[in-house]
Amino acid sequence: MSVETEKKIAEHLFSKREDNFEHASFDREMAFYESITSGDMELVKVFMKPLCCEGCGILSTDYIRNLKYHMVVLAALIARYCIKGGMTPEESYDLSDFYIMKTDNCNTESEIRAVHMEMIEGYTNRMRLIKLRGVYSKQIVHAIDYIMCHLHSRIMLEETAEYLKISPAYLSRLFKKETGTAFGEYVNKLKIEEAASLLLYTEFSDTEISNLLAFSSQSYFIKVFRKYIGTTPKKYKKQYNIPDF
């Protein structure tokens, strides 16, 4: 590295320190990518931030070009996380190329932000199906897909069966047979997995998370949380030295 380059880097870092610039939380950023690979769109929405928001570096002094550069970086990272999560490299890189090319053809901020959302939803939905493909029957795949899309609502066996156009009794038997878990227990397990992630990576309180995941009461949320995690939400946060907001 030349002396001139080292000097420019030093000046750049000094400028950032003087401006009290801080990059976005690394742990929260990792949680965002992992939520995409899990196929959980509701969790993705919690961790997702607007493209090029506060805490993001400046890659170009031209505003539109800066947005495009951030999209390229994001597409590359998501592609690699999804490959690690089970997507074939060919499919993941093809998707990345598609969204980068689509971004390159954008002329306005609103167009770029629309592609940004389309890319995140596209990768997440594909990862959800990859996780389920070849493991369960088509009916159970659609049932689990329905559950994951409605984690922030009350999920009833009857409503899910109606969505699948089968009887609740048949869905209950088939779900238990293929997953080894009763329908209601499976729903609670997924909700608690999301709750644990929210406790670690967001500032939502226990009550807010309970309401967000549509538990009938705070006490029931704590009871179910203890069943699957082995401790209460407050103690869980203390294990990771997270303040109780």
Protein backbone atom coordinates (compact mmCIF):
# COMPACT_ATOMS: atom_id res chain seq x y z
CA MET A 1 0.00 0.00 0.00
CA SER A 2 1.41 3.38 -0.98
CA VAL A 3 2.12 6.14 1.53
CA GLU A 4 -0.47 8.32 -0.17
CA THR A 5 -3.15 5.62 0.20
CA GLU A 6 -2.30 5.06 3.87
CA LYS A 7 -2.53 8.82 4.44
CA LYS A 8 -6.00 8.98 2.86
CA ILE A 9 -7.22 6.04 4.94
CA ALA A 10 -5.91 7.65 8.12
CA GLU A 11 -7.63 10.93 7.23
CA HIS A 12 -10.88 9.08 6.50
CA LEU A 13 -10.82 7.23 9.84
CA PHE A 14 -9.98 10.43 11.71
CA SER A 15 -12.91 12.19 10.03
CA LYS A 16 -15.28 9.42 11.09
CA ARG A 17 -14.08 9.60 14.70
CA GLU A 18 -14.48 13.38 14.71
CA ASP A 19 -18.05 13.00 13.45
CA ASN A 20 -18.77 10.34 16.12
CA PHE A 21 -19.82 7.99 13.32
CA GLU A 22 -20.86 4.51 14.42
CA HIS A 23 -21.67 1.62 12.12
CA ALA A 24 -24.82 -0.42 12.69
CA SER A 25 -24.72 -3.10 15.40
CA PHE A 26 -22.82 -6.16 14.14
CA ASP A 27 -24.95 -8.62 16.14
CA ARG A 28 -28.19 -7.12 14.86
CA GLU A 29 -26.86 -7.17 11.31
CA MET A 30 -26.00 -10.86 11.63
CA ALA A 31 -29.47 -11.52 13.05
CA PHE A 32 -30.95 -9.87 9.95
CA TYR A 33 -29.07 -12.16 7.57
CA GLU A 34 -29.87 -15.22 9.66
CA SER A 35 -33.56 -14.32 9.70
CA ILE A 36 -33.51 -14.32 5.89
CA THR A 37 -31.89 -17.77 5.76
CA SER A 38 -34.46 -19.07 8.26
CA GLY A 39 -37.23 -18.04 5.88
CA ASP A 40 -39.01 -16.09 8.64
CA MET A 41 -40.34 -12.95 6.93
CA GLU A 42 -41.92 -11.60 10.12
CA LEU A 43 -38.55 -11.71 11.88
CA VAL A 44 -36.87 -10.19 8.82
CA LYS A 45 -39.23 -7.21 9.09
CA VAL A 46 -38.14 -6.69 12.70
CA PHE A 47 -34.42 -6.64 11.91
CA MET A 48 -34.58 -5.01 8.48
CA LYS A 49 -33.56 -1.39 8.21
CA PRO A 50 -34.11 1.01 5.32
CA LEU A 51 -31.41 0.88 2.69
CA CYS A 52 -28.55 3.24 3.51
CA CYS A 53 -29.97 4.35 6.86
CA GLU A 54 -28.15 5.90 9.81
CA GLY A 55 -25.08 3.84 10.66
CA CYS A 56 -24.30 2.92 7.05
CA GLY A 57 -21.08 4.10 5.45
CA ILE A 58 -20.91 6.47 2.50
CA LEU A 59 -19.67 4.70 -0.62
CA SER A 60 -20.25 7.55 -3.05
CA THR A 61 -20.94 11.27 -2.78
CA ASP A 62 -23.64 10.81 -5.45
CA TYR A 63 -26.82 9.87 -3.56
CA ILE A 64 -28.31 7.49 -6.15
CA ARG A 65 -24.95 5.83 -6.84
CA ASN A 66 -24.44 5.43 -3.08
CA LEU A 67 -27.78 3.59 -2.81
CA LYS A 68 -26.84 1.34 -5.71
CA TYR A 69 -23.45 0.49 -4.20
CA HIS A 70 -25.13 -0.47 -0.92
CA MET A 71 -27.55 -2.68 -2.84
CA VAL A 72 -24.64 -4.47 -4.51
CA VAL A 73 -22.98 -5.10 -1.14
CA LEU A 74 -26.26 -6.29 0.39
CA ALA A 75 -27.03 -8.62 -2.53
CA ALA A 76 -23.57 -10.18 -2.29
CA LEU A 77 -23.88 -10.79 1.46
CA ILE A 78 -27.42 -12.18 1.30
CA ALA A 79 -26.41 -14.50 -1.55
CA ARG A 80 -23.58 -15.98 0.49
CA TYR A 81 -25.65 -16.36 3.65
CA CYS A 82 -28.35 -18.17 1.68
CA ILE A 83 -25.80 -20.54 0.14
CA LYS A 84 -24.63 -21.32 3.67
CA GLY A 85 -28.28 -21.86 4.59
CA GLY A 86 -28.89 -24.44 1.86
CA MET A 87 -29.60 -22.59 -1.39
CA THR A 88 -27.54 -23.81 -4.34
CA PRO A 89 -24.72 -21.43 -5.33
CA GLU A 90 -26.08 -21.29 -8.89
CA GLU A 91 -29.55 -20.18 -7.78
CA SER A 92 -28.25 -17.75 -5.17
CA TYR A 93 -25.73 -16.06 -7.46
CA ASP A 94 -28.27 -15.91 -10.32
CA LEU A 95 -30.70 -14.14 -7.99
CA SER A 96 -27.98 -11.76 -6.83
CA ASP A 97 -27.04 -10.92 -10.43
CA PHE A 98 -30.71 -10.38 -11.28
CA TYR A 99 -31.32 -7.90 -8.46
CA ILE A 100 -28.03 -6.08 -9.05
CA MET A 101 -28.85 -5.66 -12.74
CA LYS A 102 -32.36 -4.51 -11.83
CA THR A 103 -30.88 -1.97 -9.41
CA ASP A 104 -28.44 -0.75 -12.05
CA ASN A 105 -31.38 0.09 -14.31
CA CYS A 106 -33.09 2.19 -11.64
CA ASN A 107 -33.08 5.96 -11.95
CA THR A 108 -34.80 7.07 -8.75
CA GLU A 109 -34.56 6.42 -5.03
CA SER A 110 -38.07 4.94 -4.90
CA GLU A 111 -37.22 2.45 -7.65
CA ILE A 112 -34.08 1.30 -5.82
CA ARG A 113 -35.92 0.93 -2.51
CA ALA A 114 -38.62 -1.13 -4.25
CA VAL A 115 -35.97 -3.51 -5.60
CA HIS A 116 -34.40 -3.64 -2.14
CA MET A 117 -37.68 -4.88 -0.63
CA GLU A 118 -38.32 -7.23 -3.54
CA MET A 119 -34.88 -8.82 -3.11
CA ILE A 120 -35.27 -9.39 0.63
CA GLU A 121 -38.74 -10.89 0.24
CA GLY A 122 -37.61 -13.00 -2.72
CA TYR A 123 -34.64 -14.56 -0.92
CA THR A 124 -36.60 -15.07 2.31
CA ASN A 125 -39.54 -16.79 0.62
CA ARG A 126 -37.23 -19.08 -1.35
CA MET A 127 -35.30 -20.01 1.79
CA ARG A 128 -38.53 -20.87 3.60
CA LEU A 129 -39.50 -23.31 0.85
CA ILE A 130 -35.98 -24.76 0.71
CA LYS A 131 -36.17 -25.53 4.44
CA LEU A 132 -39.42 -27.42 3.92
CA ARG A 133 -38.89 -29.01 0.51
CA GLY A 134 -38.44 -32.78 0.52
CA VAL A 135 -39.09 -33.08 4.26
CA TYR A 136 -42.87 -32.99 4.48
CA SER A 137 -45.89 -33.60 2.28
CA LYS A 138 -47.23 -30.70 0.24
CA GLN A 139 -50.09 -30.15 2.72
CA ILE A 140 -47.75 -29.89 5.72
CA VAL A 141 -45.36 -27.66 3.76
CA HIS A 142 -48.26 -25.28 3.12
CA ALA A 143 -49.38 -25.55 6.76
CA ILE A 144 -45.93 -24.62 8.08
CA ASP A 145 -45.66 -21.87 5.49
CA TYR A 146 -49.00 -20.51 6.75
CA ILE A 147 -47.76 -20.64 10.35
CA MET A 148 -44.53 -18.80 9.57
CA CYS A 149 -46.40 -16.09 7.66
CA HIS A 150 -48.77 -15.51 10.61
CA LEU A 151 -46.47 -15.74 13.64
CA HIS A 152 -47.57 -12.28 14.77
CA SER A 153 -51.22 -13.38 14.89
CA ARG A 154 -53.19 -15.98 16.80
CA ILE A 155 -52.83 -19.17 14.76
CA MET A 156 -55.70 -21.60 15.09
CA LEU A 157 -55.84 -25.18 13.80
CA GLU A 158 -59.32 -24.59 12.36
CA GLU A 159 -58.28 -21.50 10.39
CA THR A 160 -55.19 -23.24 9.03
CA ALA A 161 -57.26 -26.25 7.99
CA GLU A 162 -59.76 -23.97 6.27
CA TYR A 163 -56.89 -22.30 4.39
CA LEU A 164 -55.69 -25.74 3.25
CA LYS A 165 -59.25 -26.88 2.48
CA ILE A 166 -58.98 -29.97 4.68
CA SER A 167 -60.66 -30.92 7.96
CA PRO A 168 -59.08 -29.83 11.27
CA ALA A 169 -59.03 -33.44 12.50
CA TYR A 170 -57.14 -34.61 9.41
CA LEU A 171 -54.65 -31.72 9.63
CA SER A 172 -54.06 -32.47 13.31
CA ARG A 173 -53.33 -36.16 12.64
CA LEU A 174 -51.14 -35.48 9.60
CA PHE A 175 -49.20 -32.70 11.34
CA LYS A 176 -48.42 -34.90 14.34
CA LYS A 177 -47.48 -37.83 12.11
CA GLU A 178 -45.04 -35.90 9.91
CA THR A 179 -43.50 -33.42 12.36
CA GLY A 180 -43.73 -35.51 15.52
CA THR A 181 -45.23 -32.48 17.25
CA ALA A 182 -48.80 -31.40 17.90
CA PHE A 183 -49.96 -28.40 15.87
CA GLY A 184 -50.28 -26.04 18.85
CA GLU A 185 -46.89 -27.04 20.25
CA TYR A 186 -45.24 -26.45 16.89
CA VAL A 187 -46.77 -22.96 16.71
CA ASN A 188 -45.60 -22.10 20.23
CA LYS A 189 -42.10 -23.42 19.55
CA LEU A 190 -41.69 -21.17 16.50
CA LYS A 191 -43.09 -18.18 18.39
CA ILE A 192 -40.67 -18.72 21.28
CA GLU A 193 -37.71 -19.10 18.92
CA GLU A 194 -38.60 -15.70 17.48
CA ALA A 195 -39.17 -14.26 20.97
CA ALA A 196 -35.68 -15.37 22.04
CA SER A 197 -34.15 -13.66 19.03
CA LEU A 198 -36.13 -10.47 19.69
CA LEU A 199 -34.97 -10.44 23.31
CA LEU A 200 -31.33 -10.66 22.24
CA TYR A 201 -31.27 -8.26 19.33
CA THR A 202 -33.99 -5.66 19.90
CA GLU A 203 -35.07 -3.27 22.63
CA PHE A 204 -38.62 -4.66 22.81
CA SER A 205 -39.78 -5.37 26.35
CA ASP A 206 -41.14 -8.76 27.44
CA THR A 207 -44.67 -7.36 27.30
CA GLU A 208 -44.17 -5.89 23.83
CA ILE A 209 -42.84 -9.21 22.52
CA SER A 210 -45.73 -11.09 24.09
CA ASN A 211 -48.19 -8.75 22.37
CA LEU A 212 -46.26 -8.79 19.09
CA LEU A 213 -46.46 -12.59 18.94
CA ALA A 214 -50.14 -12.56 19.94
CA PHE A 215 -49.90 -14.54 23.18
CA SER A 216 -53.16 -14.49 25.13
CA SER A 217 -51.46 -13.07 28.24
CA GLN A 218 -48.06 -12.11 29.61
CA SER A 219 -48.19 -14.95 32.14
CA TYR A 220 -48.89 -17.49 29.40
CA PHE A 221 -46.00 -16.12 27.35
CA ILE A 222 -43.63 -16.55 30.32
CA LYS A 223 -44.94 -20.08 30.92
CA VAL A 224 -44.41 -21.15 27.31
CA PHE A 225 -41.02 -19.40 27.14
CA ARG A 226 -39.83 -21.29 30.22
CA LYS A 227 -41.07 -24.58 28.72
CA TYR A 228 -38.94 -24.28 25.57
CA ILE A 229 -35.98 -22.17 26.73
CA GLY A 230 -35.73 -23.40 30.31
CA THR A 231 -35.88 -20.01 31.98
CA THR A 232 -37.96 -16.82 32.04
CA PRO A 233 -37.51 -14.02 29.48
CA LYS A 234 -35.96 -11.71 32.10
CA LYS A 235 -33.44 -14.34 33.24
CA TYR A 236 -32.69 -15.19 29.62
CA LYS A 237 -31.71 -11.59 28.94
CA LYS A 238 -29.57 -11.48 32.09
CA GLN A 239 -27.62 -14.52 30.85
CA TYR A 240 -26.42 -12.37 27.95
CA ASN A 241 -25.98 -9.19 30.02
CA ILE A 242 -28.85 -7.47 28.22
CA PRO A 243 -30.54 -4.66 30.17
CA ASP A 244 -34.25 -4.97 30.90
CA PHE A 245 -35.73 -2.10 28.90
